[in-house]
Amino acid sequence: MKKNSIRIGLLAAAIVFIVIGCVNKEFHDVFMKAVYICLECIGIG
């Protein structure tokens, strides 16, 4: 029972942080960094 409550708490915290990041437009920055890393990996960037 204790493990389930820990899992639910961590899942809730993750969802809250994802929503906060989306509200602050952080997803754009993370997406752009991921694109640049991928382009550098294949040698285009």
N, C-alpha and C. Protein backbone atom coordinates (compact mmCIF):
# COMPACT_ATOMS: atom_id res chain seq x y z
N MET A 1 0.83 -1.20 0.00
CA MET A 1 0.00 0.00 0.00
C MET A 1 0.87 1.26 0.00
N LYS A 2 1.99 1.22 0.74
CA LYS A 2 2.84 2.39 0.82
C LYS A 2 3.51 2.69 -0.54
N LYS A 3 3.89 1.62 -1.26
CA LYS A 3 4.52 1.83 -2.57
C LYS A 3 3.55 2.48 -3.55
N ASN A 4 2.29 2.09 -3.49
CA ASN A 4 1.30 2.69 -4.38
C ASN A 4 1.13 4.17 -4.09
N SER A 5 1.12 4.56 -2.84
CA SER A 5 0.95 5.97 -2.52
C SER A 5 2.17 6.78 -2.94
N ILE A 6 3.35 6.18 -2.86
CA ILE A 6 4.56 6.87 -3.32
C ILE A 6 4.51 7.04 -4.83
N ARG A 7 4.10 6.01 -5.55
CA ARG A 7 4.00 6.10 -7.01
C ARG A 7 2.98 7.14 -7.43
N ILE A 8 1.86 7.15 -6.77
CA ILE A 8 0.81 8.13 -7.11
C ILE A 8 1.30 9.54 -6.81
N GLY A 9 2.00 9.72 -5.71
CA GLY A 9 2.54 11.04 -5.37
C GLY A 9 3.57 11.51 -6.38
N LEU A 10 4.46 10.62 -6.81
CA LEU A 10 5.46 11.00 -7.80
C LEU A 10 4.82 11.29 -9.15
N LEU A 11 3.82 10.52 -9.52
CA LEU A 11 3.11 10.77 -10.77
C LEU A 11 2.40 12.12 -10.74
N ALA A 12 1.77 12.42 -9.62
CA ALA A 12 1.08 13.71 -9.48
C ALA A 12 2.08 14.87 -9.56
N ALA A 13 3.23 14.71 -8.90
CA ALA A 13 4.26 15.76 -8.94
C ALA A 13 4.77 15.95 -10.37
N ALA A 14 4.98 14.86 -11.09
CA ALA A 14 5.46 14.95 -12.48
C ALA A 14 4.45 15.67 -13.35
N ILE A 15 3.18 15.35 -13.18
CA ILE A 15 2.14 16.00 -13.97
C ILE A 15 2.08 17.50 -13.66
N VAL A 16 2.21 17.84 -12.38
CA VAL A 16 2.20 19.26 -11.99
C VAL A 16 3.36 20.00 -12.63
N PHE A 17 4.56 19.41 -12.61
CA PHE A 17 5.73 20.07 -13.19
C PHE A 17 5.61 20.19 -14.70
N ILE A 18 5.04 19.20 -15.35
CA ILE A 18 4.84 19.27 -16.80
C ILE A 18 3.87 20.39 -17.14
N VAL A 19 2.80 20.50 -16.39
CA VAL A 19 1.81 21.57 -16.64
C VAL A 19 2.44 22.94 -16.40
N ILE A 20 3.21 23.08 -15.33
CA ILE A 20 3.87 24.36 -15.05
C ILE A 20 4.82 24.72 -16.19
N GLY A 21 5.58 23.75 -16.68
CA GLY A 21 6.49 24.00 -17.80
C GLY A 21 5.76 24.43 -19.05
N CYS A 22 4.62 23.80 -19.33
CA CYS A 22 3.85 24.17 -20.52
C CYS A 22 3.25 25.56 -20.38
N VAL A 23 2.81 25.91 -19.20
CA VAL A 23 2.23 27.24 -18.98
C VAL A 23 3.29 28.32 -19.15
N ASN A 24 4.53 28.02 -18.75
CA ASN A 24 5.62 29.00 -18.85
C ASN A 24 6.32 28.98 -20.20
N LYS A 25 5.77 28.23 -21.16
CA LYS A 25 6.33 28.11 -22.52
C LYS A 25 7.73 27.50 -22.51
N GLU A 26 8.04 26.69 -21.53
CA GLU A 26 9.34 26.04 -21.45
C GLU A 26 9.48 24.94 -22.49
N PHE A 27 8.36 24.37 -22.94
CA PHE A 27 8.43 23.27 -23.89
C PHE A 27 9.11 23.68 -25.19
N HIS A 28 8.97 24.96 -25.56
CA HIS A 28 9.60 25.44 -26.79
C HIS A 28 11.12 25.40 -26.67
N ASP A 29 11.63 25.86 -25.53
CA ASP A 29 13.08 25.85 -25.31
C ASP A 29 13.63 24.44 -25.32
N VAL A 30 12.96 23.53 -24.64
CA VAL A 30 13.41 22.14 -24.58
C VAL A 30 13.36 21.51 -25.97
N PHE A 31 12.29 21.77 -26.72
CA PHE A 31 12.17 21.22 -28.06
C PHE A 31 13.27 21.74 -28.97
N MET A 32 13.57 23.02 -28.89
CA MET A 32 14.61 23.59 -29.75
C MET A 32 15.98 23.02 -29.40
N LYS A 33 16.27 22.83 -28.11
CA LYS A 33 17.54 22.21 -27.72
C LYS A 33 17.63 20.80 -28.25
N ALA A 34 16.53 20.05 -28.19
CA ALA A 34 16.53 18.67 -28.70
C ALA A 34 16.76 18.66 -30.20
N VAL A 35 16.17 19.60 -30.92
CA VAL A 35 16.37 19.67 -32.37
C VAL A 35 17.83 19.96 -32.68
N TYR A 36 18.43 20.90 -31.98
CA TYR A 36 19.83 21.24 -32.22
C TYR A 36 20.75 20.06 -31.93
N ILE A 37 20.48 19.34 -30.86
CA ILE A 37 21.30 18.18 -30.51
C ILE A 37 21.18 17.12 -31.61
N CYS A 38 19.98 16.87 -32.08
CA CYS A 38 19.78 15.88 -33.14
C CYS A 38 20.49 16.30 -34.43
N LEU A 39 20.39 17.57 -34.76
CA LEU A 39 21.05 18.04 -35.99
C LEU A 39 22.57 17.94 -35.86
N GLU A 40 23.10 18.22 -34.67
CA GLU A 40 24.54 18.09 -34.48
C GLU A 40 24.97 16.63 -34.56
N CYS A 41 24.13 15.73 -34.09
CA CYS A 41 24.45 14.31 -34.11
C CYS A 41 24.60 13.80 -35.54
N ILE A 42 23.74 14.23 -36.43
CA ILE A 42 23.80 13.73 -37.80
C ILE A 42 24.68 14.61 -38.68
N GLY A 43 25.26 15.65 -38.12
CA GLY A 43 26.24 16.44 -38.82
C GLY A 43 25.71 17.58 -39.66
N ILE A 44 24.45 17.95 -39.49
CA ILE A 44 23.89 19.07 -40.26
C ILE A 44 24.10 20.39 -39.53
N GLY A 45 23.93 20.37 -38.23
CA GLY A 45 24.00 21.60 -37.45
C GLY A 45 25.37 21.89 -37.08
